[in-house]
Protein backbone atom coordinates (compact mmCIF):
# COMPACT_ATOMS: atom_id res chain seq x y z
CA MET A 1 0.00 0.00 0.00
CA LEU A 2 3.02 2.31 0.35
CA SER A 3 3.89 2.11 -3.32
CA LYS A 4 3.43 5.41 -5.15
CA LEU A 5 3.76 3.76 -8.56
CA THR A 6 1.13 2.50 -10.94
CA PRO A 7 1.03 -1.28 -11.39
CA MET A 8 2.63 -0.81 -14.79
CA GLU A 9 5.47 1.22 -13.30
CA GLU A 10 5.95 -1.43 -10.62
CA ARG A 11 6.71 -3.99 -13.31
CA LYS A 12 9.50 -1.75 -14.61
CA SER A 13 10.98 -0.67 -11.27
CA GLY A 14 11.66 -4.18 -9.96
CA PHE A 15 8.82 -4.03 -7.45
CA TYR A 16 6.81 -6.74 -9.20
CA ASP A 17 9.74 -9.16 -9.39
CA PHE A 18 10.55 -8.50 -5.74
CA MET A 19 6.98 -9.29 -4.71
CA VAL A 20 7.04 -12.51 -6.73
CA GLU A 21 10.25 -13.58 -5.01
CA GLU A 22 9.22 -12.64 -1.47
CA HIS A 23 5.78 -14.24 -1.67
CA SER A 24 7.23 -17.48 -2.98
CA LYS A 25 9.86 -17.60 -0.22
CA LYS A 26 7.75 -16.41 2.71
CA ILE A 27 4.20 -17.72 2.23
CA ASN A 28 4.38 -20.26 -0.62
CA ALA A 29 2.36 -18.06 -2.96
CA ARG A 30 2.76 -16.79 -6.50
CA TYR A 31 2.20 -13.05 -6.69
CA LEU A 32 0.30 -12.25 -9.89
CA GLY A 33 -0.42 -8.53 -9.69
CA ARG A 34 -2.72 -5.73 -8.62
CA VAL A 35 -6.51 -6.04 -8.52
CA GLN A 36 -7.61 -2.63 -7.26
CA VAL A 37 -6.13 0.88 -7.22
CA SER A 38 -8.45 3.29 -5.43
CA PRO A 39 -6.80 5.72 -2.99
CA PHE A 40 -8.12 6.50 0.47
CA TYR A 41 -9.50 9.72 1.92
CA LEU A 42 -10.54 10.97 5.35
CA TRP A 43 -14.14 12.18 5.59
CA THR A 44 -15.40 14.36 8.46
CA LYS A 45 -18.61 15.87 9.82
CA LYS A 46 -17.02 19.23 10.65
CA GLU A 47 -14.83 21.26 8.33
CA PRO A 48 -11.15 20.96 9.24
CA LYS A 49 -9.42 24.18 8.20
CA THR A 50 -6.01 23.28 9.62
CA LEU A 51 -4.32 20.10 10.82
CA ALA A 52 -4.99 21.27 14.37
CA ASP A 53 -8.72 20.88 13.70
CA LEU A 54 -8.18 17.14 13.36
CA HIS A 55 -7.03 16.79 16.96
CA GLY A 56 -9.49 14.83 19.05
CA LEU A 57 -11.73 13.74 16.18
CA LYS A 58 -13.03 10.20 16.64
CA MET A 59 -12.51 8.55 13.28
CA ARG A 60 -13.76 5.21 12.07
CA SER A 61 -10.77 3.11 11.10
CA GLY A 62 -10.15 -0.40 9.89
CA VAL A 63 -6.60 -0.73 11.24
CA LEU A 64 -5.18 0.44 7.90
CA TYR A 65 -4.95 4.09 8.89
CA ASP A 66 -4.70 3.80 12.70
CA ARG A 67 -1.11 5.05 12.93
CA PHE A 68 -1.76 7.88 10.47
CA MET A 69 -4.80 9.09 12.40
CA ARG A 70 -3.04 8.94 15.75
CA ALA A 71 0.00 10.79 14.41
CA LEU A 72 -2.28 13.71 13.51
CA GLY A 73 -4.03 13.67 16.89
CA MET A 74 -7.18 11.82 15.89
CA VAL A 75 -8.72 8.94 17.83
CA ALA A 76 -8.88 5.80 15.70
CA VAL A 77 -11.97 3.68 16.39
CA THR A 78 -12.14 0.25 14.75
CA ILE A 79 -15.69 -0.32 13.48
CA ASN A 80 -16.91 -2.86 10.93
CA ALA A 81 -18.29 -1.30 7.75
CA PRO A 82 -21.96 -2.37 8.35
CA GLU A 83 -21.90 -0.52 11.70
CA VAL A 84 -20.49 2.78 10.45
CA TYR A 85 -23.87 4.32 9.53
CA THR A 86 -25.16 3.89 13.07
CA ALA A 87 -21.86 5.04 14.58
CA LEU A 88 -21.97 8.25 12.55
CA ASN A 89 -25.58 9.03 13.38
CA SER A 90 -25.18 8.31 17.08
CA GLY A 91 -22.04 10.38 17.43
CA VAL A 92 -19.74 7.47 18.21
CA VAL A 93 -17.43 8.75 15.46
CA ASP A 94 -16.90 12.12 13.77
CA GLY A 95 -15.84 10.71 10.41
CA PHE A 96 -14.15 7.83 8.67
CA GLY A 97 -11.42 6.70 6.32
CA TRP A 98 -12.56 5.19 3.00
CA PRO A 99 -12.06 5.39 -0.80
CA VAL A 100 -14.43 7.44 -2.97
CA THR A 101 -16.76 4.60 -3.86
CA GLY A 102 -19.03 3.40 -1.07
CA PRO A 103 -19.85 6.25 1.34
CA LEU A 104 -22.71 7.65 -0.78
CA LYS A 105 -24.46 4.32 -1.31
CA ARG A 106 -24.02 3.35 2.34
CA GLY A 107 -25.69 6.55 3.51
CA TRP A 108 -22.62 7.80 5.35
CA LEU A 109 -22.79 11.17 3.63
CA GLU A 110 -26.06 12.01 5.31
CA THR A 111 -24.03 13.25 8.29
CA VAL A 112 -20.53 13.62 6.87
CA LYS A 113 -20.17 16.74 4.75
CA TYR A 114 -16.42 17.20 4.22
CA VAL A 115 -13.64 15.18 2.64
CA ILE A 116 -9.97 16.04 2.90
CA ASP A 117 -9.01 16.12 -0.77
CA LEU A 118 -5.54 14.68 -0.26
CA PRO A 119 -5.61 11.02 -1.33
CA PHE A 120 -3.12 8.60 0.15
CA PHE A 121 -2.07 4.94 -0.18
CA ARG A 122 -2.40 4.44 -3.92
CA PRO A 123 -2.45 1.80 -5.17
CA SER A 124 -4.26 0.05 -2.35
CA ASN A 125 -3.31 -3.36 -1.03
CA VAL A 126 -5.62 -5.67 -3.02
CA VAL A 127 -3.58 -8.15 -5.02
CA ALA A 128 -3.98 -11.51 -6.77
CA LEU A 129 -2.16 -14.50 -5.31
CA MET A 130 -2.06 -18.20 -6.17
CA ASN A 131 -0.84 -21.14 -4.13
CA LEU A 132 2.72 -21.76 -5.28
CA ASP A 133 2.36 -25.56 -5.41
CA LYS A 134 -0.69 -25.21 -7.66
CA TRP A 135 1.16 -22.65 -9.74
CA ASN A 136 4.15 -24.95 -10.22
CA ALA A 137 1.83 -27.81 -11.19
CA LEU A 138 0.50 -25.84 -14.16
CA PRO A 139 2.02 -26.39 -17.60
CA GLN A 140 4.63 -23.78 -18.53
CA ALA A 141 2.40 -22.45 -21.30
CA ALA A 142 -0.45 -21.90 -18.85
CA ARG A 143 1.83 -20.04 -16.44
CA GLU A 144 3.09 -17.80 -19.21
CA GLN A 145 -0.46 -17.09 -20.30
CA LEU A 146 -1.52 -16.10 -16.76
CA ILE A 147 1.46 -13.78 -16.43
CA ALA A 148 0.59 -12.15 -19.76
CA LEU A 149 -3.08 -11.87 -18.83
CA THR A 150 -2.41 -10.14 -15.51
CA ALA A 151 0.02 -7.75 -17.19
CA ASP A 152 -2.66 -6.88 -19.75
CA PHE A 153 -5.35 -6.67 -17.08
CA GLU A 154 -3.65 -4.06 -14.92
CA PRO A 155 -3.83 -1.06 -17.33
CA ALA A 156 -7.50 -1.78 -18.00
CA MET A 157 -8.11 -2.16 -14.27
CA VAL A 158 -6.45 1.18 -13.49
CA LYS A 159 -8.54 2.90 -16.16
CA HIS A 160 -11.69 1.26 -14.78
CA PHE A 161 -11.16 2.44 -11.22
CA ASP A 162 -10.12 5.93 -12.32
CA GLN A 163 -13.36 6.17 -14.29
CA GLU A 164 -15.36 4.78 -11.37
CA ASP A 165 -13.86 7.35 -9.02
CA THR A 166 -14.61 10.17 -11.47
CA HIS A 167 -18.20 8.96 -11.82
CA GLU A 168 -18.60 8.68 -8.05
CA TRP A 169 -17.37 12.24 -7.47
CA LYS A 170 -20.04 13.42 -9.92
CA GLU A 171 -22.69 11.43 -8.05
CA ILE A 172 -21.56 12.90 -4.74
CA GLY A 173 -21.67 16.39 -6.22
CA THR A 174 -22.34 19.10 -3.66
CA LYS A 175 -23.31 16.67 -0.91
CA VAL A 176 -19.74 16.90 0.34
CA SER A 177 -17.24 19.76 0.22
CA LYS A 178 -13.62 19.01 -0.66
CA VAL A 179 -11.15 20.71 1.67
CA LYS A 180 -7.39 21.16 1.86
CA PHE A 181 -4.99 22.96 4.17
CA SER A 182 -2.05 25.28 3.51
CA PRO A 183 0.60 23.92 1.11
CA GLU A 184 2.89 23.18 4.04
CA GLU A 185 0.19 21.33 5.96
CA ASN A 186 -0.96 19.47 2.85
CA GLU A 187 2.58 18.13 2.44
CA LYS A 188 2.81 17.22 6.12
CA TYR A 189 -0.55 15.42 5.98
CA VAL A 190 0.37 13.18 3.05
CA ASN A 191 3.94 12.59 4.23
CA THR A 192 2.69 11.56 7.66
CA ALA A 193 0.46 8.87 6.16
CA TYR A 194 3.46 7.22 4.54
CA GLU A 195 6.20 7.88 7.08
CA VAL A 196 4.39 6.38 10.06
CA GLU A 197 3.97 3.17 8.08
CA TRP A 198 7.58 3.18 6.87
CA ASN A 199 8.68 3.62 10.48
CA ALA A 200 6.55 0.68 11.55
CA LEU A 201 7.98 -1.42 8.74
CA GLN A 202 11.48 -0.35 9.69
CA ALA A 203 11.03 -2.08 13.04
CA ARG A 204 9.87 -5.30 11.36
CA ALA A 205 12.21 -5.53 8.38
CA PRO A 206 15.02 -2.96 8.59
CA GLU A 207 17.11 -4.81 6.02
CA LEU A 208 14.45 -4.30 3.34
CA ILE A 209 13.55 -0.63 3.81
CA GLN A 210 16.09 0.93 1.46
CA LYS A 211 15.29 -1.51 -1.34
CA LEU A 212 11.53 -1.21 -0.85
CA ARG A 213 11.66 2.58 -0.99
CA SER A 214 13.77 2.55 -4.13
CA ILE A 215 11.46 0.23 -6.08
CA SER A 216 8.16 1.75 -4.91
CA GLY A 217 8.58 5.42 -5.82
CA ASN A 218 9.47 6.56 -2.32
């Protein structure tokens, strides 16, 4: 999720080959490629005009953005998606983290009227994997065809989700206002999302950080 490259760029940077190698060694899986590339946003009931306005906000989280929220002074509250509507209406949370598609259909925008228009974590962490033993049991021609198919799929997939996001913004229309901060705070906001996760990863796999940054556009 920390990659700042498109799936197509990942295949050129060495990221794709690295993922294939690591998945095969660590979890006996064949990494095939990306399946989804929609970035995340933070959505709030009240308008945040500065980063200081985020302090103390209770934000629905799904673990993915816990560290990011806490680093900016928010309170991360883990709530399953089906319970978010009730949590928003009852005041349990003041907002949530989510991509563009979903909040309108789920009714979350009845109470949430602002979105911080600074997307982060693109592409997201949905990928295609296959059991390595099953992969190795396939004929070579079949493996080559799957590799070619996933490589061809990714550009079409990126275009699809970009179009879906554009369509969803049109559907949302004036129901939600897009907000940003000062240029300095905008940069701090986005950088914080990534750096807190890189720091966490540093503690788990320090030997990989430099390589991972270099092949993921960081």
